[in-house]
Amino acid sequence: MGIFNRVKTIVMADIHEVLDKMEDPISLMNQYMRELDEQVDKAKDALGQQLYLEKRHGLLVAEAQVLVAKRTRQAELAVANGEDTIARIALQEKLKEEAKLKLYAEQYAAMKQHTSALRDQIDVLLERYNELANRRLVLLSRAHAAKAQEQLQAAIASFNTDNALKGFNRVEDYVQQLEAQALAASYFIPSSPPVNLEIKEAVERELALLKESK
């Protein structure tokens, strides 16, 4: 073996050893998909929590609006009745509710923007997830087809047609021997003894006499 062939053999042996130590790429791909599943689940949980907070702030805004309108009517009614003290109290409560309403409205608007941004991020995540999931199916199909082809090639390579041909030839020789033996045996079968014509004519005459005597 030449020096270059020896070097090639050593290098290929090292490469195969490294490949054997590597993780199964298909198992690694499946692990990636499981990690993506977890990310998608976390994103869904985050969106659910965000929608809950947005809804809660929407209710706070609605409640504050109702209280502001209520305090406004109370102040107007108190002024109409000449009850300035009650009007001042109602207006004071109205101002407090308006401050709350402003804060809640700002928070609600920020919540809605955050929700919209989160939805956009989840849409991108789901798009990538679906793309990778489809690609995974294609790669699995190709891997299975390649393995099936490899197994088929291995089966074809391991099939020894010479042995099969020799076996069929032996069977054919055996059948020919049986046929020869059967043909040879037919020569030894005794033939029927020849019929004596004189005896046959005598028998016919005797038979005719018997019929006439009846």
Protein backbone atom coordinates (compact mmCIF):
# COMPACT_ATOMS: atom_id res chain seq x y z
CA MET A 1 0.00 0.00 0.00
CA GLY A 2 1.39 3.41 -0.99
CA ILE A 3 1.96 6.27 1.39
CA PHE A 4 -0.99 8.22 -0.03
CA ASN A 5 -3.35 5.25 0.35
CA ARG A 6 -2.25 4.79 3.95
CA VAL A 7 -2.85 8.48 4.69
CA LYS A 8 -6.27 8.29 3.02
CA THR A 9 -7.21 5.25 5.10
CA ILE A 10 -6.17 6.96 8.34
CA VAL A 11 -8.07 10.15 7.47
CA MET A 12 -11.25 8.26 6.53
CA ALA A 13 -11.04 6.25 9.75
CA ASP A 14 -10.79 9.48 11.76
CA ILE A 15 -13.76 10.99 9.89
CA HIS A 16 -15.91 7.93 10.53
CA GLU A 17 -14.99 7.98 14.21
CA VAL A 18 -16.04 11.64 14.45
CA LEU A 19 -19.31 10.93 12.63
CA ASP A 20 -20.06 8.01 14.93
CA LYS A 21 -19.63 10.29 17.94
CA MET A 22 -21.93 12.97 16.53
CA GLU A 23 -25.55 13.13 17.60
CA ASP A 24 -28.12 11.66 15.26
CA PRO A 25 -29.12 14.65 13.06
CA ILE A 26 -32.75 13.49 12.91
CA SER A 27 -32.96 13.23 16.70
CA LEU A 28 -31.33 16.65 16.94
CA MET A 29 -33.90 18.08 14.50
CA ASN A 30 -36.73 16.60 16.55
CA GLN A 31 -35.22 18.20 19.65
CA TYR A 32 -35.22 21.56 17.86
CA MET A 33 -38.92 21.12 17.09
CA ARG A 34 -39.68 20.26 20.71
CA GLU A 35 -37.90 23.44 21.80
CA LEU A 36 -39.92 25.42 19.25
CA ASP A 37 -43.10 23.82 20.62
CA GLU A 38 -42.16 25.08 24.07
CA GLN A 39 -41.52 28.58 22.69
CA VAL A 40 -44.88 28.59 20.93
CA ASP A 41 -46.62 27.47 24.14
CA LYS A 42 -44.87 30.21 26.11
CA ALA A 43 -45.86 32.77 23.49
CA LYS A 44 -49.48 31.64 23.68
CA ASP A 45 -49.41 31.91 27.49
CA ALA A 46 -47.89 35.40 27.25
CA LEU A 47 -50.57 36.48 24.78
CA GLY A 48 -53.30 35.06 27.02
CA GLN A 49 -51.94 36.97 30.00
CA GLN A 50 -51.63 40.14 27.92
CA LEU A 51 -55.22 39.85 26.68
CA TYR A 52 -56.39 39.36 30.28
CA LEU A 53 -54.57 42.52 31.42
CA GLU A 54 -55.90 44.46 28.44
CA LYS A 55 -59.43 43.38 29.24
CA ARG A 56 -58.99 44.33 32.90
CA HIS A 57 -57.77 47.82 31.96
CA GLY A 58 -60.65 48.16 29.51
CA LEU A 59 -63.05 47.46 32.38
CA LEU A 60 -61.26 50.01 34.60
CA VAL A 61 -61.61 52.62 31.87
CA ALA A 62 -65.31 51.81 31.45
CA GLU A 63 -65.89 51.94 35.22
CA ALA A 64 -64.08 55.27 35.53
CA GLN A 65 -66.14 56.71 32.66
CA VAL A 66 -69.34 55.66 34.40
CA LEU A 67 -68.23 57.27 37.70
CA VAL A 68 -67.20 60.50 35.96
CA ALA A 69 -70.61 60.72 34.30
CA LYS A 70 -72.32 59.90 37.59
CA ARG A 71 -70.43 62.56 39.57
CA THR A 72 -71.12 65.09 36.81
CA ARG A 73 -74.87 64.45 37.05
CA GLN A 74 -74.75 64.66 40.84
CA ALA A 75 -72.97 68.04 40.72
CA GLU A 76 -75.40 69.37 38.13
CA LEU A 77 -78.35 68.21 40.21
CA ALA A 78 -76.89 69.74 43.40
CA VAL A 79 -76.32 73.08 41.65
CA ALA A 80 -79.87 73.00 40.33
CA ASN A 81 -81.12 72.47 43.89
CA GLY A 82 -78.88 75.15 45.35
CA GLU A 83 -76.81 72.61 47.29
CA ASP A 84 -73.34 74.01 46.71
CA THR A 85 -71.69 71.86 49.37
CA ILE A 86 -72.92 68.67 47.78
CA ALA A 87 -71.98 70.05 44.37
CA ARG A 88 -68.40 70.67 45.55
CA ILE A 89 -68.12 67.13 46.92
CA ALA A 90 -69.46 65.69 43.68
CA LEU A 91 -67.08 67.81 41.61
CA GLN A 92 -64.16 66.78 43.81
CA GLU A 93 -64.99 63.11 43.27
CA LYS A 94 -65.46 63.83 39.57
CA LEU A 95 -61.93 65.27 39.31
CA LYS A 96 -60.48 62.24 41.11
CA GLU A 97 -62.28 59.86 38.73
CA GLU A 98 -61.15 61.91 35.72
CA ALA A 99 -57.54 61.57 36.89
CA LYS A 100 -58.02 57.82 37.24
CA LEU A 101 -59.72 57.71 33.88
CA LYS A 102 -56.79 59.48 32.23
CA LEU A 103 -54.31 57.09 33.82
CA TYR A 104 -56.37 54.01 32.96
CA ALA A 105 -56.90 55.23 29.40
CA GLU A 106 -53.15 55.76 28.90
CA GLN A 107 -52.39 52.33 30.35
CA TYR A 108 -55.12 50.77 28.23
CA ALA A 109 -53.72 52.34 25.06
CA ALA A 110 -50.23 51.10 25.96
CA MET A 111 -51.66 47.65 26.65
CA LYS A 112 -53.33 47.55 23.26
CA GLN A 113 -50.09 48.54 21.53
CA HIS A 114 -48.22 45.88 23.48
CA THR A 115 -50.82 43.31 22.56
CA SER A 116 -50.60 44.25 18.88
CA ALA A 117 -46.80 43.98 18.94
CA LEU A 118 -47.02 40.64 20.72
CA ARG A 119 -49.49 39.34 18.14
CA ASP A 120 -47.10 40.37 15.35
CA GLN A 121 -44.23 38.54 17.04
CA ILE A 122 -46.35 35.43 17.52
CA ASP A 123 -47.43 35.53 13.88
CA VAL A 124 -43.76 35.57 12.81
CA LEU A 125 -42.99 32.76 15.26
CA LEU A 126 -45.88 30.64 14.01
CA GLU A 127 -44.92 31.28 10.39
CA ARG A 128 -41.37 30.11 11.06
CA TYR A 129 -42.64 27.18 13.11
CA ASN A 130 -44.96 26.00 10.33
CA GLU A 131 -42.19 26.43 7.78
CA LEU A 132 -39.79 24.34 9.86
CA ALA A 133 -42.47 21.75 10.64
CA ASN A 134 -43.16 21.29 6.92
CA ARG A 135 -39.46 21.16 6.19
CA ARG A 136 -39.04 18.54 8.92
CA LEU A 137 -41.67 16.34 7.28
CA VAL A 138 -39.91 16.66 3.93
CA LEU A 139 -36.53 15.83 5.45
CA LEU A 140 -37.96 12.84 7.34
CA SER A 141 -39.53 11.56 4.13
CA ARG A 142 -36.26 11.98 2.26
CA ALA A 143 -34.30 10.30 5.06
CA HIS A 144 -36.67 7.31 5.13
CA ALA A 145 -36.52 7.02 1.35
CA ALA A 146 -32.72 7.18 1.42
CA LYS A 147 -32.53 4.51 4.14
CA ALA A 148 -34.93 2.28 2.20
CA GLN A 149 -32.80 2.74 -0.93
CA GLU A 150 -29.67 1.96 1.06
CA GLN A 151 -31.24 -1.21 2.48
CA LEU A 152 -32.37 -2.24 -0.99
CA GLN A 153 -28.90 -1.72 -2.42
CA ALA A 154 -27.40 -3.68 0.47
CA ALA A 155 -29.85 -6.53 -0.13
CA ILE A 156 -29.02 -6.55 -3.85
CA ALA A 157 -25.30 -6.46 -3.12
CA SER A 158 -25.57 -9.34 -0.65
CA PHE A 159 -27.57 -11.50 -3.04
CA ASN A 160 -25.19 -14.05 -4.65
CA THR A 161 -26.63 -15.01 -8.04
CA ASP A 162 -23.81 -17.49 -8.65
CA ASN A 163 -24.88 -19.65 -5.72
CA ALA A 164 -28.50 -19.54 -6.83
CA LEU A 165 -27.52 -20.45 -10.40
CA LYS A 166 -25.45 -23.39 -9.18
CA GLY A 167 -28.36 -24.55 -7.04
CA PHE A 168 -30.77 -24.46 -9.99
CA ASN A 169 -28.24 -26.32 -12.14
CA ARG A 170 -28.01 -29.07 -9.52
CA VAL A 171 -31.80 -29.37 -9.45
CA GLU A 172 -31.90 -29.57 -13.25
CA ASP A 173 -29.27 -32.33 -13.22
CA TYR A 174 -31.29 -34.22 -10.65
CA VAL A 175 -34.47 -33.93 -12.72
CA GLN A 176 -32.63 -35.14 -15.81
CA GLN A 177 -31.39 -38.17 -13.86
CA LEU A 178 -34.94 -38.97 -12.77
CA GLU A 179 -36.16 -38.70 -16.35
CA ALA A 180 -33.35 -40.99 -17.57
CA GLN A 181 -34.12 -43.53 -14.88
CA ALA A 182 -37.82 -43.49 -15.80
CA LEU A 183 -36.97 -43.97 -19.51
CA ALA A 184 -34.59 -46.82 -18.73
CA ALA A 185 -37.16 -48.57 -16.54
CA SER A 186 -39.66 -48.55 -19.40
CA TYR A 187 -37.44 -50.95 -21.42
CA PHE A 188 -37.77 -53.65 -18.75
CA ILE A 189 -41.59 -53.78 -18.65
CA PRO A 190 -42.64 -57.24 -20.07
CA SER A 191 -44.81 -56.99 -23.17
CA SER A 192 -48.06 -58.92 -23.62
CA PRO A 193 -47.52 -62.42 -25.11
CA PRO A 194 -48.33 -62.64 -28.82
CA VAL A 195 -51.76 -64.06 -29.67
CA ASN A 196 -51.68 -67.44 -31.52
CA LEU A 197 -53.98 -67.08 -34.55
CA GLU A 198 -54.65 -70.85 -34.78
CA ILE A 199 -55.78 -71.01 -31.20
CA LYS A 200 -57.91 -67.94 -31.70
CA GLU A 201 -59.62 -69.54 -34.75
CA ALA A 202 -60.15 -72.77 -32.83
CA VAL A 203 -61.77 -70.87 -29.97
CA GLU A 204 -64.13 -69.15 -32.41
CA ARG A 205 -65.14 -72.49 -33.93
CA GLU A 206 -65.82 -74.00 -30.55
CA LEU A 207 -67.89 -70.97 -29.62
CA ALA A 208 -69.96 -71.31 -32.80
CA LEU A 209 -70.63 -75.02 -32.13
CA LEU A 210 -71.81 -74.23 -28.62
CA LYS A 211 -74.21 -71.62 -29.94
CA GLU A 212 -75.65 -74.12 -32.55
CA SER A 213 -76.22 -76.80 -29.92
CA LYS A 214 -78.43 -74.53 -27.87
